[in-house]
Amino acid sequence: FLSLTNISDIFALSPLSIARASNIKSDEKKLIPGQVLLVPVTCGCTRNRNFVNISYNIKSGDSYFYLATTSYGNLTNSKKLEDFNSGLSPFLLPDGVRIVVPLFCRCPSKNQLNKGIKYLITYVWQNNDNVSLVSTKFGASEVDILTENGQNFTAATNLPVLIPVTRLPELTQPNSNARKSSIRLPVIIGISLGSAFFIAVITLSLVYVLYCLKRKSLNRTASLAESADKLLSGVSGYVSKPTVYEIDVIMEATMNLSDQCKIGESVYKANIYGRALAVKKTKKDASEELKILQKVNHGNLVKLMGVSSDMMGNCFLVYEYAENGSL
């Protein structure tokens, strides 16, 4: 299982400070899957910039995409990591180098404080969430949530949103006999108090997330390789030397298929190794689109450069990027 030490290392805090904030015994060495922690971190709120900067030492296999989506549970994103560490190449992160991880948080405004709102919970929206469910979970007003965020929550999955509350949620710690089969990925929540604190709430997973990365990486690599081989065999008839891109490269280059990078239906502009490209997410069977490529020879049709695939079987076709090109 994960431990307070693991979590404290990620957020550069003492295990004791996490234990006190989370209402758990400081001598508990192991944490339970599904357990929620409050991790107190200072949040800097100046002008329109609201963030907390965490120092992190790069480890073998780390990428900005992995750190943003897994280690810090989408409290940041790969674009912010790249911006805050402009002196480093995002495609070559040396082991041991220290980077800045900017985590999203915000302090209540003067108007909110006058209304009794003391905290803004930075919550990473989950797939099955809705405003009613989340407001009940944190004792917040649905109107306050909608007013604070002003967005369509159907497109908010895996993005941080702000939940205004008048008091911190009360933590109920799980039974230590929780079943080991209860495995789920981390969910991270942040809470800022005035300009003083940022508190992250982490729904814990098993060691599978942090300690078994090597085994997970091997299994993942094998699965991706098998999927890529199948896709590559289908593409080889249309492209003489297609490039097989790692899915992490695709996700990082498109900010996890962010709407900010979207330029068309299932098409995203990407910067891969310094080159502007277009990534198209296709159905699990990309054969129909490949057949079209074989039949059509049009001057305005951009060139297919390579392919990628993920563990879910989704295919990604990587094209050269042209302002007037057509996919």
C-alpha atoms as a PDB file:
ATOM      1  CA  PHE A   1       0.000   0.000   0.000  1.00  0.00           C
ATOM      2  CA  LEU A   2       0.955   3.657  -0.232  1.00  0.00           C
ATOM      3  CA  SER A   3       2.247   5.377   2.853  1.00  0.00           C
ATOM      4  CA  LEU A   4       2.257   8.855   4.314  1.00  0.00           C
ATOM      5  CA  THR A   5       5.927   9.036   3.419  1.00  0.00           C
ATOM      6  CA  ASN A   6       5.192   8.490  -0.281  1.00  0.00           C
ATOM      7  CA  ILE A   7       2.593  11.229  -0.320  1.00  0.00           C
ATOM      8  CA  SER A   8       4.718  13.620   1.715  1.00  0.00           C
ATOM      9  CA  ASP A   9       7.620  13.139  -0.718  1.00  0.00           C
ATOM     10  CA  ILE A  10       5.457  14.130  -3.686  1.00  0.00           C
ATOM     11  CA  PHE A  11       4.240  17.298  -1.982  1.00  0.00           C
ATOM     12  CA  ALA A  12       7.498  18.070  -0.113  1.00  0.00           C
ATOM     13  CA  LEU A  13       5.874  17.909   3.335  1.00  0.00           C
ATOM     14  CA  SER A  14       6.336  16.025   6.586  1.00  0.00           C
ATOM     15  CA  PRO A  15       4.216  12.885   7.111  1.00  0.00           C
ATOM     16  CA  LEU A  16       3.118  14.263  10.496  1.00  0.00           C
ATOM     17  CA  SER A  17       1.560  17.380   8.957  1.00  0.00           C
ATOM     18  CA  ILE A  18      -0.496  15.200   6.620  1.00  0.00           C
ATOM     19  CA  ALA A  19      -1.560  12.900   9.455  1.00  0.00           C
ATOM     20  CA  ARG A  20      -2.749  15.800  11.617  1.00  0.00           C
ATOM     21  CA  ALA A  21      -4.710  17.426   8.797  1.00  0.00           C
ATOM     22  CA  SER A  22      -6.247  14.112   7.747  1.00  0.00           C
ATOM     23  CA  ASN A  23      -7.400  12.938  11.170  1.00  0.00           C
ATOM     24  CA  ILE A  24      -5.384   9.732  11.105  1.00  0.00           C
ATOM     25  CA  LYS A  25      -2.921   8.254  13.564  1.00  0.00           C
ATOM     26  CA  SER A  26       0.584   9.435  12.822  1.00  0.00           C
ATOM     27  CA  ASP A  27       1.971   5.969  13.463  1.00  0.00           C
ATOM     28  CA  GLU A  28      -0.118   4.363  10.716  1.00  0.00           C
ATOM     29  CA  LYS A  29       2.496   3.213   8.249  1.00  0.00           C
ATOM     30  CA  LYS A  30       0.208   2.031   5.477  1.00  0.00           C
ATOM     31  CA  LEU A  31      -2.746   3.703   3.843  1.00  0.00           C
ATOM     32  CA  ILE A  32      -5.891   2.050   2.566  1.00  0.00           C
ATOM     33  CA  PRO A  33      -7.209   2.071  -1.023  1.00  0.00           C
ATOM     34  CA  GLY A  34      -9.944   4.681  -1.185  1.00  0.00           C
ATOM     35  CA  GLN A  35      -8.551   6.631   1.775  1.00  0.00           C
ATOM     36  CA  VAL A  36      -8.749  10.417   1.598  1.00  0.00           C
ATOM     37  CA  LEU A  37      -5.955  12.680   2.823  1.00  0.00           C
ATOM     38  CA  LEU A  38      -5.702  16.400   3.460  1.00  0.00           C
ATOM     39  CA  VAL A  39      -2.234  17.607   2.554  1.00  0.00           C
ATOM     40  CA  PRO A  40      -1.545  21.193   3.698  1.00  0.00           C
ATOM     41  CA  VAL A  41       0.560  23.158   1.230  1.00  0.00           C
ATOM     42  CA  THR A  42       1.002  26.930   1.006  1.00  0.00           C
ATOM     43  CA  CYS A  43      -0.942  28.405  -1.910  1.00  0.00           C
ATOM     44  CA  GLY A  44       0.290  31.645  -3.475  1.00  0.00           C
ATOM     45  CA  CYS A  45      -2.492  33.896  -4.727  1.00  0.00           C
ATOM     46  CA  THR A  46      -1.234  37.009  -6.500  1.00  0.00           C
ATOM     47  CA  ARG A  47      -3.223  39.012  -9.033  1.00  0.00           C
ATOM     48  CA  ASN A  48      -4.762  36.588 -11.526  1.00  0.00           C
ATOM     49  CA  ARG A  49      -2.221  33.820 -10.960  1.00  0.00           C
ATOM     50  CA  ASN A  50      -3.193  31.173  -8.457  1.00  0.00           C
ATOM     51  CA  PHE A  51      -0.886  28.258  -7.913  1.00  0.00           C
ATOM     52  CA  VAL A  52       1.392  26.417  -5.542  1.00  0.00           C
ATOM     53  CA  ASN A  53       4.880  25.543  -6.747  1.00  0.00           C
ATOM     54  CA  ILE A  54       6.181  22.121  -5.725  1.00  0.00           C
ATOM     55  CA  SER A  55       9.775  21.009  -6.290  1.00  0.00           C
ATOM     56  CA  TYR A  56      10.142  17.560  -7.811  1.00  0.00           C
ATOM     57  CA  ASN A  57      13.210  15.522  -8.778  1.00  0.00           C
ATOM     58  CA  ILE A  58      12.823  13.746 -12.110  1.00  0.00           C
ATOM     59  CA  LYS A  59      13.023   9.950 -11.997  1.00  0.00           C
ATOM     60  CA  SER A  60      13.746   7.511 -14.789  1.00  0.00           C
ATOM     61  CA  GLY A  61      10.753   7.182 -17.101  1.00  0.00           C
ATOM     62  CA  ASP A  62       9.087  10.423 -16.002  1.00  0.00           C
ATOM     63  CA  SER A  63       7.429  12.667 -18.553  1.00  0.00           C
ATOM     64  CA  TYR A  64       5.449  15.860 -18.113  1.00  0.00           C
ATOM     65  CA  PHE A  65       2.315  14.028 -19.217  1.00  0.00           C
ATOM     66  CA  TYR A  66       2.826  11.241 -16.673  1.00  0.00           C
ATOM     67  CA  LEU A  67       3.577  13.654 -13.833  1.00  0.00           C
ATOM     68  CA  ALA A  68       0.541  15.798 -14.612  1.00  0.00           C
ATOM     69  CA  THR A  69      -1.996  13.011 -15.056  1.00  0.00           C
ATOM     70  CA  THR A  70      -0.740  10.368 -12.618  1.00  0.00           C
ATOM     71  CA  SER A  71       1.614  11.695  -9.946  1.00  0.00           C
ATOM     72  CA  TYR A  72      -0.324  14.916  -9.404  1.00  0.00           C
ATOM     73  CA  GLY A  73      -3.730  13.670 -10.549  1.00  0.00           C
ATOM     74  CA  ASN A  74      -4.445  16.418 -13.134  1.00  0.00           C
ATOM     75  CA  LEU A  75      -3.922  19.282 -10.676  1.00  0.00           C
ATOM     76  CA  THR A  76      -1.548  20.553 -13.346  1.00  0.00           C
ATOM     77  CA  ASN A  77      -0.998  19.786 -17.018  1.00  0.00           C
ATOM     78  CA  SER A  78       1.959  19.132 -19.268  1.00  0.00           C
ATOM     79  CA  LYS A  79       1.729  22.595 -20.868  1.00  0.00           C
ATOM     80  CA  LYS A  80       2.082  24.312 -17.489  1.00  0.00           C
ATOM     81  CA  LEU A  81       4.999  22.054 -16.590  1.00  0.00           C
ATOM     82  CA  GLU A  82       6.711  22.960 -19.842  1.00  0.00           C
ATOM     83  CA  ASP A  83       6.066  26.692 -19.327  1.00  0.00           C
ATOM     84  CA  PHE A  84       7.404  26.703 -15.757  1.00  0.00           C
ATOM     85  CA  ASN A  85      10.511  24.729 -16.764  1.00  0.00           C
ATOM     86  CA  SER A  86      11.324  26.416 -20.062  1.00  0.00           C
ATOM     87  CA  GLY A  87      15.030  25.613 -19.816  1.00  0.00           C
ATOM     88  CA  LEU A  88      14.384  21.875 -20.184  1.00  0.00           C
ATOM     89  CA  SER A  89      13.409  19.881 -23.236  1.00  0.00           C
ATOM     90  CA  PRO A  90      10.078  18.148 -22.511  1.00  0.00           C
ATOM     91  CA  PHE A  91      11.263  15.208 -24.605  1.00  0.00           C
ATOM     92  CA  LEU A  92      14.489  14.625 -22.663  1.00  0.00           C
ATOM     93  CA  LEU A  93      14.177  14.968 -18.890  1.00  0.00           C
ATOM     94  CA  PRO A  94      17.477  14.022 -17.198  1.00  0.00           C
ATOM     95  CA  ASP A  95      17.268  11.827 -14.095  1.00  0.00           C
ATOM     96  CA  GLY A  96      17.710  13.794 -10.892  1.00  0.00           C
ATOM     97  CA  VAL A  97      17.042  17.247 -12.322  1.00  0.00           C
ATOM     98  CA  ARG A  98      14.762  19.360 -10.146  1.00  0.00           C
ATOM     99  CA  ILE A  99      11.702  20.889 -11.770  1.00  0.00           C
ATOM    100  CA  VAL A 100       8.869  23.134 -10.626  1.00  0.00           C
ATOM    101  CA  VAL A 101       5.391  21.601 -10.562  1.00  0.00           C
ATOM    102  CA  PRO A 102       2.703  24.331 -10.550  1.00  0.00           C
ATOM    103  CA  LEU A 103      -0.481  22.953  -8.979  1.00  0.00           C
ATOM    104  CA  PHE A 104      -3.744  24.772  -9.577  1.00  0.00           C
ATOM    105  CA  CYS A 105      -5.421  26.409  -6.586  1.00  0.00           C
ATOM    106  CA  ARG A 106      -7.267  29.615  -5.839  1.00  0.00           C
ATOM    107  CA  CYS A 107      -8.005  31.744  -2.810  1.00  0.00           C
ATOM    108  CA  PRO A 108     -11.530  32.965  -2.011  1.00  0.00           C
ATOM    109  CA  SER A 109     -12.286  36.496  -3.160  1.00  0.00           C
ATOM    110  CA  LYS A 110     -13.270  39.270  -0.765  1.00  0.00           C
ATOM    111  CA  ASN A 111     -16.873  38.924  -1.922  1.00  0.00           C
ATOM    112  CA  GLN A 112     -16.820  35.180  -1.252  1.00  0.00           C
ATOM    113  CA  LEU A 113     -15.333  35.691   2.200  1.00  0.00           C
ATOM    114  CA  ASN A 114     -18.124  38.161   2.975  1.00  0.00           C
ATOM    115  CA  LYS A 115     -20.642  35.470   1.963  1.00  0.00           C
ATOM    116  CA  GLY A 116     -19.066  33.031   4.409  1.00  0.00           C
ATOM    117  CA  ILE A 117     -17.141  31.014   1.831  1.00  0.00           C
ATOM    118  CA  LYS A 118     -13.799  30.267   3.468  1.00  0.00           C
ATOM    119  CA  TYR A 119     -12.402  27.613   1.159  1.00  0.00           C
ATOM    120  CA  LEU A 120     -12.205  26.812  -2.522  1.00  0.00           C
ATOM    121  CA  ILE A 121     -11.802  23.106  -3.109  1.00  0.00           C
ATOM    122  CA  THR A 122      -9.839  22.340  -6.231  1.00  0.00           C
ATOM    123  CA  TYR A 123     -11.440  19.117  -7.325  1.00  0.00           C
ATOM    124  CA  VAL A 124     -10.491  17.059 -10.362  1.00  0.00           C
ATOM    125  CA  TRP A 125     -13.800  16.205 -12.022  1.00  0.00           C
ATOM    126  CA  GLN A 126     -14.413  12.476 -12.418  1.00  0.00           C
ATOM    127  CA  ASN A 127     -16.125  10.611 -15.232  1.00  0.00           C
ATOM    128  CA  ASN A 128     -19.387   9.890 -13.381  1.00  0.00           C
ATOM    129  CA  ASP A 129     -19.639  13.200 -11.531  1.00  0.00           C
ATOM    130  CA  ASN A 130     -22.445  15.715 -11.765  1.00  0.00           C
ATOM    131  CA  VAL A 131     -22.990  19.036 -10.004  1.00  0.00           C
ATOM    132  CA  SER A 132     -25.619  17.644  -7.644  1.00  0.00           C
ATOM    133  CA  LEU A 133     -23.430  14.714  -6.592  1.00  0.00           C
ATOM    134  CA  VAL A 134     -20.348  16.869  -6.009  1.00  0.00           C
ATOM    135  CA  SER A 135     -22.259  19.555  -4.108  1.00  0.00           C
ATOM    136  CA  THR A 136     -23.616  16.894  -1.753  1.00  0.00           C
ATOM    137  CA  LYS A 137     -20.184  15.326  -1.334  1.00  0.00           C
ATOM    138  CA  PHE A 138     -18.626  18.591  -0.162  1.00  0.00           C
ATOM    139  CA  GLY A 139     -21.617  20.349   1.371  1.00  0.00           C
ATOM    140  CA  ALA A 140     -21.499  23.048  -1.284  1.00  0.00           C
ATOM    141  CA  SER A 141     -24.174  25.031  -3.088  1.00  0.00           C
ATOM    142  CA  GLU A 142     -24.884  23.950  -6.672  1.00  0.00           C
ATOM    143  CA  VAL A 143     -25.356  27.609  -7.618  1.00  0.00           C
ATOM    144  CA  ASP A 144     -21.976  28.537  -6.117  1.00  0.00           C
ATOM    145  CA  ILE A 145     -20.271  25.731  -8.050  1.00  0.00           C
ATOM    146  CA  LEU A 146     -21.827  26.803 -11.348  1.00  0.00           C
ATOM    147  CA  THR A 147     -21.109  30.486 -10.692  1.00  0.00           C
ATOM    148  CA  GLU A 148     -17.476  29.884  -9.758  1.00  0.00           C
ATOM    149  CA  ASN A 149     -16.658  27.745 -12.778  1.00  0.00           C
ATOM    150  CA  GLY A 150     -18.998  28.981 -15.493  1.00  0.00           C
ATOM    151  CA  GLN A 151     -18.414  25.951 -17.679  1.00  0.00           C
ATOM    152  CA  ASN A 152     -20.142  22.955 -19.187  1.00  0.00           C
ATOM    153  CA  PHE A 153     -19.302  20.141 -16.791  1.00  0.00           C
ATOM    154  CA  THR A 154     -19.866  17.497 -19.458  1.00  0.00           C
ATOM    155  CA  ALA A 155     -16.467  18.545 -20.812  1.00  0.00           C
ATOM    156  CA  ALA A 156     -14.786  18.896 -17.409  1.00  0.00           C
ATOM    157  CA  THR A 157     -13.721  15.275 -16.854  1.00  0.00           C
ATOM    158  CA  ASN A 158     -10.127  15.076 -15.561  1.00  0.00           C
ATOM    159  CA  LEU A 159      -9.942  18.862 -15.262  1.00  0.00           C
ATOM    160  CA  PRO A 160      -9.687  20.824 -11.994  1.00  0.00           C
ATOM    161  CA  VAL A 161     -12.799  22.736 -10.950  1.00  0.00           C
ATOM    162  CA  LEU A 162     -13.394  24.945  -7.922  1.00  0.00           C
ATOM    163  CA  ILE A 163     -15.905  24.039  -5.224  1.00  0.00           C
ATOM    164  CA  PRO A 164     -16.725  26.946  -2.842  1.00  0.00           C
ATOM    165  CA  VAL A 165     -17.477  25.749   0.705  1.00  0.00           C
ATOM    166  CA  THR A 166     -17.953  27.378   4.091  1.00  0.00           C
ATOM    167  CA  ARG A 167     -16.068  24.672   5.983  1.00  0.00           C
ATOM    168  CA  LEU A 168     -13.688  21.819   5.296  1.00  0.00           C
ATOM    169  CA  PRO A 169     -15.226  18.419   4.580  1.00  0.00           C
ATOM    170  CA  GLU A 170     -15.082  16.032   7.521  1.00  0.00           C
ATOM    171  CA  LEU A 171     -12.949  13.023   6.750  1.00  0.00           C
ATOM    172  CA  THR A 172     -14.120   9.555   7.686  1.00  0.00           C
ATOM    173  CA  GLN A 173     -11.164   7.216   7.523  1.00  0.00           C
ATOM    174  CA  PRO A 174     -11.777   3.704   6.120  1.00  0.00           C
ATOM    175  CA  ASN A 175     -11.471   0.479   8.064  1.00  0.00           C
ATOM    176  CA  SER A 176      -7.935  -0.908   7.971  1.00  0.00           C
ATOM    177  CA  ASN A 177      -9.410  -4.229   6.853  1.00  0.00           C
ATOM    178  CA  ALA A 178     -10.489  -2.757   3.523  1.00  0.00           C
ATOM    179  CA  ARG A 179     -10.307  -5.285   0.723  1.00  0.00           C
ATOM    180  CA  LYS A 180      -7.121  -5.289  -1.277  1.00  0.00           C
ATOM    181  CA  SER A 181      -9.091  -5.665  -4.489  1.00  0.00           C
ATOM    182  CA  SER A 182     -10.440  -2.138  -4.162  1.00  0.00           C
ATOM    183  CA  ILE A 183      -8.074  -0.611  -6.694  1.00  0.00           C
ATOM    184  CA  ARG A 184      -8.633   2.734  -8.328  1.00  0.00           C
ATOM    185  CA  LEU A 185      -6.499   5.541  -9.636  1.00  0.00           C
ATOM    186  CA  PRO A 186      -5.791   8.598  -7.480  1.00  0.00           C
ATOM    187  CA  VAL A 187      -8.292  11.444  -7.286  1.00  0.00           C
ATOM    188  CA  ILE A 188      -6.743  14.673  -6.069  1.00  0.00           C
ATOM    189  CA  ILE A 189      -8.614  17.564  -4.512  1.00  0.00           C
ATOM    190  CA  GLY A 190      -7.129  20.856  -3.413  1.00  0.00           C
ATOM    191  CA  ILE A 191      -8.436  23.347  -0.880  1.00  0.00           C
ATOM    192  CA  SER A 192      -7.176  26.898  -0.433  1.00  0.00           C
ATOM    193  CA  LEU A 193      -7.803  28.943   2.696  1.00  0.00           C
ATOM    194  CA  GLY A 194      -7.430  32.682   2.207  1.00  0.00           C
ATOM    195  CA  SER A 195      -3.910  33.101   0.914  1.00  0.00           C
ATOM    196  CA  ALA A 196      -2.409  30.682   3.378  1.00  0.00           C
ATOM    197  CA  PHE A 197      -3.087  27.061   2.534  1.00  0.00           C
ATOM    198  CA  PHE A 198      -3.535  24.672  -0.301  1.00  0.00           C
ATOM    199  CA  ILE A 199      -4.799  21.286   0.826  1.00  0.00           C
ATOM    200  CA  ALA A 200      -4.806  18.300  -1.464  1.00  0.00           C
ATOM    201  CA  VAL A 201      -7.134  15.407  -0.817  1.00  0.00           C
ATOM    202  CA  ILE A 202      -5.885  12.196  -2.324  1.00  0.00           C
ATOM    203  CA  THR A 203      -7.981   9.123  -2.925  1.00  0.00           C
ATOM    204  CA  LEU A 204      -5.327   6.467  -2.711  1.00  0.00           C
ATOM    205  CA  SER A 205      -4.646   3.492  -4.914  1.00  0.00           C
ATOM    206  CA  LEU A 206      -2.487   0.465  -4.196  1.00  0.00           C
ATOM    207  CA  VAL A 207       1.265   0.325  -4.655  1.00  0.00           C
ATOM    208  CA  TYR A 208       0.352  -0.561  -8.224  1.00  0.00           C
ATOM    209  CA  VAL A 209       0.342   3.151  -8.982  1.00  0.00           C
ATOM    210  CA  LEU A 210       3.714   4.212  -7.607  1.00  0.00           C
ATOM    211  CA  TYR A 211       5.735   1.174  -6.580  1.00  0.00           C
ATOM    212  CA  CYS A 212       4.939  -1.224  -9.366  1.00  0.00           C
ATOM    213  CA  LEU A 213       5.611   1.230 -12.156  1.00  0.00           C
ATOM    214  CA  LYS A 214       8.301  -0.987 -13.599  1.00  0.00           C
ATOM    215  CA  ARG A 215       5.999  -3.973 -13.867  1.00  0.00           C
ATOM    216  CA  LYS A 216       3.161  -1.802 -15.107  1.00  0.00           C
ATOM    217  CA  SER A 217       5.457  -0.199 -17.657  1.00  0.00           C
ATOM    218  CA  LEU A 218       6.553  -3.577 -18.987  1.00  0.00           C
ATOM    219  CA  ASN A 219       2.979  -4.818 -19.333  1.00  0.00           C
ATOM    220  CA  ARG A 220       1.907  -1.547 -20.859  1.00  0.00           C
ATOM    221  CA  THR A 221       4.781  -1.532 -23.304  1.00  0.00           C
ATOM    222  CA  ALA A 222       4.004  -5.065 -24.439  1.00  0.00           C
ATOM    223  CA  SER A 223       0.333  -4.250 -24.923  1.00  0.00           C
ATOM    224  CA  LEU A 224       1.068  -1.058 -26.815  1.00  0.00           C
ATOM    225  CA  ALA A 225       3.656  -2.809 -28.955  1.00  0.00           C
ATOM    226  CA  GLU A 226       1.166  -5.494 -29.958  1.00  0.00           C
ATOM    227  CA  SER A 227      -1.458  -2.888 -30.815  1.00  0.00           C
ATOM    228  CA  ALA A 228       1.052  -0.749 -32.698  1.00  0.00           C
ATOM    229  CA  ASP A 229       2.289  -3.740 -34.692  1.00  0.00           C
ATOM    230  CA  LYS A 230      -1.241  -4.462 -35.892  1.00  0.00           C
ATOM    231  CA  LEU A 231      -1.766  -0.842 -36.854  1.00  0.00           C
ATOM    232  CA  LEU A 232       1.647  -0.615 -38.483  1.00  0.00           C
ATOM    233  CA  SER A 233       0.958  -3.617 -40.673  1.00  0.00           C
ATOM    234  CA  GLY A 234      -2.177  -1.882 -41.932  1.00  0.00           C
ATOM    235  CA  VAL A 235      -0.380   1.392 -42.599  1.00  0.00           C
ATOM    236  CA  SER A 236       2.688  -0.051 -44.314  1.00  0.00           C
ATOM    237  CA  GLY A 237       0.764  -0.404 -47.557  1.00  0.00           C
ATOM    238  CA  TYR A 238       0.147   3.343 -47.683  1.00  0.00           C
ATOM    239  CA  VAL A 239       3.312   4.816 -46.146  1.00  0.00           C
ATOM    240  CA  SER A 240       6.804   3.590 -46.997  1.00  0.00           C
ATOM    241  CA  LYS A 241       8.413   4.326 -43.606  1.00  0.00           C
ATOM    242  CA  PRO A 242       5.752   5.246 -41.036  1.00  0.00           C
ATOM    243  CA  THR A 243       6.810   6.381 -37.567  1.00  0.00           C
ATOM    244  CA  VAL A 244       5.298   4.631 -34.555  1.00  0.00           C
ATOM    245  CA  TYR A 245       4.790   7.259 -31.853  1.00  0.00           C
ATOM    246  CA  GLU A 246       4.572   6.409 -28.153  1.00  0.00           C
ATOM    247  CA  ILE A 247       1.094   7.205 -26.843  1.00  0.00           C
ATOM    248  CA  ASP A 248       2.641   9.380 -24.101  1.00  0.00           C
ATOM    249  CA  VAL A 249       4.192  11.542 -26.822  1.00  0.00           C
ATOM    250  CA  ILE A 250       0.806  11.932 -28.505  1.00  0.00           C
ATOM    251  CA  MET A 251      -0.960  12.789 -25.251  1.00  0.00           C
ATOM    252  CA  GLU A 252       1.689  15.269 -24.162  1.00  0.00           C
ATOM    253  CA  ALA A 253       1.779  16.961 -27.571  1.00  0.00           C
ATOM    254  CA  THR A 254      -2.013  17.414 -27.552  1.00  0.00           C
ATOM    255  CA  MET A 255      -2.312  18.226 -23.830  1.00  0.00           C
ATOM    256  CA  ASN A 256      -4.246  15.005 -23.322  1.00  0.00           C
ATOM    257  CA  LEU A 257      -6.479  15.701 -26.340  1.00  0.00           C
ATOM    258  CA  SER A 258      -7.378  19.094 -24.930  1.00  0.00           C
ATOM    259  CA  ASP A 259      -9.970  21.301 -26.623  1.00  0.00           C
ATOM    260  CA  GLN A 260      -7.235  23.947 -26.723  1.00  0.00           C
ATOM    261  CA  CYS A 261      -5.454  21.835 -29.327  1.00  0.00           C
ATOM    262  CA  LYS A 262      -8.557  20.747 -31.228  1.00  0.00           C
ATOM    263  CA  ILE A 263      -8.679  21.951 -34.841  1.00  0.00           C
ATOM    264  CA  GLY A 264     -11.410  19.719 -36.224  1.00  0.00           C
ATOM    265  CA  GLU A 265     -13.583  16.694 -35.581  1.00  0.00           C
ATOM    266  CA  SER A 266     -11.307  14.356 -33.583  1.00  0.00           C
ATOM    267  CA  VAL A 267      -8.278  16.236 -34.965  1.00  0.00           C
ATOM    268  CA  TYR A 268      -5.687  17.953 -32.761  1.00  0.00           C
ATOM    269  CA  LYS A 269      -2.713  20.149 -33.549  1.00  0.00           C
ATOM    270  CA  ALA A 270       0.443  18.769 -31.944  1.00  0.00           C
ATOM    271  CA  ASN A 271       4.045  19.819 -31.591  1.00  0.00           C
ATOM    272  CA  ILE A 272       6.125  16.653 -31.660  1.00  0.00           C
ATOM    273  CA  TYR A 273       9.895  16.940 -31.464  1.00  0.00           C
ATOM    274  CA  GLY A 274       9.673  20.559 -32.591  1.00  0.00           C
ATOM    275  CA  ARG A 275       7.514  19.837 -35.636  1.00  0.00           C
ATOM    276  CA  ALA A 276       3.894  20.904 -36.117  1.00  0.00           C
ATOM    277  CA  LEU A 277       1.732  17.876 -36.849  1.00  0.00           C
ATOM    278  CA  ALA A 278      -1.945  16.966 -36.806  1.00  0.00           C
ATOM    279  CA  VAL A 279      -3.187  13.991 -34.795  1.00  0.00           C
ATOM    280  CA  LYS A 280      -6.454  12.329 -35.712  1.00  0.00           C
ATOM    281  CA  LYS A 281      -8.135   9.943 -33.299  1.00  0.00           C
ATOM    282  CA  THR A 282      -9.882   7.225 -35.262  1.00  0.00           C
ATOM    283  CA  LYS A 283     -12.100   4.270 -34.583  1.00  0.00           C
ATOM    284  CA  LYS A 284     -10.451   1.142 -33.242  1.00  0.00           C
ATOM    285  CA  ASP A 285     -10.321  -0.105 -36.819  1.00  0.00           C
ATOM    286  CA  ALA A 286      -8.606   2.546 -38.942  1.00  0.00           C
ATOM    287  CA  SER A 287      -8.786   0.449 -42.105  1.00  0.00           C
ATOM    288  CA  GLU A 288     -11.548   2.526 -43.727  1.00  0.00           C
ATOM    289  CA  GLU A 289      -9.576   5.751 -43.471  1.00  0.00           C
ATOM    290  CA  LEU A 290      -6.461   4.005 -44.740  1.00  0.00           C
ATOM    291  CA  LYS A 291      -8.397   2.722 -47.747  1.00  0.00           C
ATOM    292  CA  ILE A 292      -9.431   6.285 -48.530  1.00  0.00           C
ATOM    293  CA  LEU A 293      -5.796   7.370 -48.359  1.00  0.00           C
ATOM    294  CA  GLN A 294      -4.901   4.675 -50.857  1.00  0.00           C
ATOM    295  CA  LYS A 295      -7.630   5.675 -53.317  1.00  0.00           C
ATOM    296  CA  VAL A 296      -7.410   9.455 -53.040  1.00  0.00           C
ATOM    297  CA  ASN A 297      -4.469  11.431 -54.391  1.00  0.00           C
ATOM    298  CA  HIS A 298      -5.286  15.084 -53.919  1.00  0.00           C
ATOM    299  CA  GLY A 299      -2.889  18.030 -53.712  1.00  0.00           C
ATOM    300  CA  ASN A 300      -4.707  19.421 -50.705  1.00  0.00           C
ATOM    301  CA  LEU A 301      -4.575  16.158 -48.742  1.00  0.00           C
ATOM    302  CA  VAL A 302      -1.828  16.207 -46.148  1.00  0.00           C
ATOM    303  CA  LYS A 303       0.665  13.384 -45.828  1.00  0.00           C
ATOM    304  CA  LEU A 304       0.347  10.594 -43.266  1.00  0.00           C
ATOM    305  CA  MET A 305       3.522  10.576 -41.163  1.00  0.00           C
ATOM    306  CA  GLY A 306       2.942   7.853 -38.587  1.00  0.00           C
ATOM    307  CA  VAL A 307       0.648   6.114 -36.147  1.00  0.00           C
ATOM    308  CA  SER A 308       0.043   5.421 -32.485  1.00  0.00           C
ATOM    309  CA  SER A 309      -2.381   3.441 -30.358  1.00  0.00           C
ATOM    310  CA  ASP A 310      -3.378   3.198 -26.721  1.00  0.00           C
ATOM    311  CA  MET A 311      -4.192   0.331 -24.386  1.00  0.00           C
ATOM    312  CA  MET A 312      -7.904   0.770 -25.095  1.00  0.00           C
ATOM    313  CA  GLY A 313      -7.302  -0.044 -28.743  1.00  0.00           C
ATOM    314  CA  ASN A 314      -7.844   3.512 -29.999  1.00  0.00           C
ATOM    315  CA  CYS A 315      -5.822   4.457 -33.069  1.00  0.00           C
ATOM    316  CA  PHE A 316      -4.138   7.778 -33.757  1.00  0.00           C
ATOM    317  CA  LEU A 317      -3.015   8.788 -37.234  1.00  0.00           C
ATOM    318  CA  VAL A 318      -0.320  11.474 -37.342  1.00  0.00           C
ATOM    319  CA  TYR A 319      -0.329  13.761 -40.382  1.00  0.00           C
ATOM    320  CA  GLU A 320       1.851  16.618 -41.474  1.00  0.00           C
ATOM    321  CA  TYR A 321       0.244  19.894 -40.450  1.00  0.00           C
ATOM    322  CA  ALA A 322      -0.848  22.260 -43.200  1.00  0.00           C
ATOM    323  CA  GLU A 323      -2.854  25.447 -42.656  1.00  0.00           C
ATOM    324  CA  ASN A 324      -5.043  24.687 -45.662  1.00  0.00           C
ATOM    325  CA  GLY A 325      -4.720  20.928 -45.509  1.00  0.00           C
ATOM    326  CA  SER A 326      -7.674  18.587 -45.201  1.00  0.00           C
ATOM    327  CA  LEU A 327      -8.082  15.530 -43.048  1.00  0.00           C
END
